[in-house]
């Protein structure tokens, strides 16, 4: 067990040994929660990058995914045949 001091801004430095035992590398992002009993829990946070697309980029995706006319016609025929067989 280690004793640490809470700074004026509410900051706490967690000793490296404690971080290593918890499997948290330096500069990890964590979730902090206060528990009903007054304890504080730190959990590793999982961060997923999110890419926001501009309208122009979305239009590029739609253009790249567009089916050629002949193939679109064949797909339409296959869908119609399947619908008739149901």
Protein backbone atom coordinates (compact mmCIF):
# COMPACT_ATOMS: atom_id res chain seq x y z
CA UNK A 1 0.00 0.00 0.00
CA UNK A 2 1.23 3.47 -0.84
CA UNK A 3 0.22 6.87 0.48
CA UNK A 4 -0.06 9.73 -2.02
CA UNK A 5 -0.96 13.37 -1.64
CA UNK A 6 -3.82 15.12 -3.43
CA UNK A 7 -2.55 18.37 -4.92
CA UNK A 8 -4.30 21.75 -4.81
CA UNK A 9 -5.92 21.09 -8.20
CA UNK A 10 -7.13 17.63 -7.16
CA UNK A 11 -4.35 15.85 -8.99
CA UNK A 12 -2.89 12.58 -7.75
CA UNK A 13 0.31 10.97 -8.95
CA UNK A 14 0.00 7.21 -8.98
CA UNK A 15 3.33 5.55 -8.23
CA UNK A 16 4.89 3.72 -11.18
CA UNK A 17 5.03 0.45 -9.23
CA UNK A 18 1.26 0.57 -8.68
CA UNK A 19 0.65 1.32 -12.36
CA UNK A 20 2.87 -1.56 -13.41
CA UNK A 21 1.10 -3.97 -11.05
CA UNK A 22 -2.24 -2.87 -12.54
CA UNK A 23 -0.90 -3.33 -16.09
CA UNK A 24 -1.36 0.34 -16.98
CA UNK A 25 1.43 1.83 -19.11
CA UNK A 26 2.35 5.48 -18.57
CA UNK A 27 -0.03 7.97 -20.19
CA UNK A 28 -2.86 5.41 -20.39
CA UNK A 29 -6.39 6.71 -20.46
CA UNK A 30 -8.51 5.50 -17.58
CA UNK A 31 -12.10 5.82 -16.41
CA UNK A 32 -12.50 7.09 -12.87
CA UNK A 33 -15.61 6.37 -10.83
CA UNK A 34 -16.60 7.12 -7.28
CA UNK A 35 -18.29 4.25 -5.46
CA UNK A 36 -21.16 4.53 -2.94
CA UNK A 37 -18.79 3.49 -0.15
CA UNK A 38 -16.52 6.49 -0.90
CA UNK A 39 -13.84 4.50 -2.70
CA UNK A 40 -12.51 5.52 -6.10
CA UNK A 41 -12.14 3.05 -8.94
CA UNK A 42 -9.83 3.41 -11.95
CA UNK A 43 -10.41 1.22 -14.98
CA UNK A 44 -8.56 1.13 -18.30
CA UNK A 45 -10.43 3.07 -20.96
CA UNK A 46 -10.77 1.73 -24.48
CA UNK A 47 -10.55 4.51 -27.03
CA UNK A 48 -11.63 3.98 -30.62
CA UNK A 49 -10.71 6.59 -33.22
CA UNK A 50 -13.69 8.02 -35.04
CA UNK A 51 -13.41 9.45 -38.51
CA UNK A 52 -15.95 12.07 -39.51
CA UNK A 53 -16.62 12.25 -43.25
CA UNK A 54 -17.34 15.38 -45.21
CA UNK A 55 -20.23 15.42 -47.68
CA UNK A 56 -17.65 15.30 -50.47
CA UNK A 57 -16.02 12.16 -49.03
CA UNK A 58 -19.43 10.48 -48.63
CA UNK A 59 -20.17 11.29 -52.27
CA UNK A 60 -16.84 9.64 -53.19
CA UNK A 61 -17.86 6.47 -51.31
CA UNK A 62 -21.22 6.40 -53.05
CA UNK A 63 -19.59 6.91 -56.45
CA UNK A 64 -17.09 4.09 -55.79
CA UNK A 65 -19.87 1.74 -54.65
CA UNK A 66 -22.15 2.42 -57.60
CA UNK A 67 -22.87 -0.64 -59.72
CA UNK A 68 -22.23 -0.49 -63.45
CA UNK A 69 -25.48 -0.34 -65.45
CA UNK A 70 -25.25 -3.88 -66.87
CA UNK A 71 -24.56 -5.40 -63.48
CA UNK A 72 -27.31 -3.35 -61.83
CA UNK A 73 -29.74 -4.74 -64.40
CA UNK A 74 -28.65 -8.35 -63.72
CA UNK A 75 -29.02 -7.84 -59.96
CA UNK A 76 -32.50 -6.38 -60.50
CA UNK A 77 -33.52 -9.39 -62.58
CA UNK A 78 -32.23 -11.81 -59.93
CA UNK A 79 -34.14 -9.95 -57.20
CA UNK A 80 -37.33 -10.04 -59.27
CA UNK A 81 -36.95 -13.79 -59.94
CA UNK A 82 -36.42 -14.43 -56.26
CA UNK A 83 -39.47 -12.36 -55.31
CA UNK A 84 -41.63 -14.32 -57.77
CA UNK A 85 -40.43 -17.66 -56.37
CA UNK A 86 -41.49 -16.81 -52.82
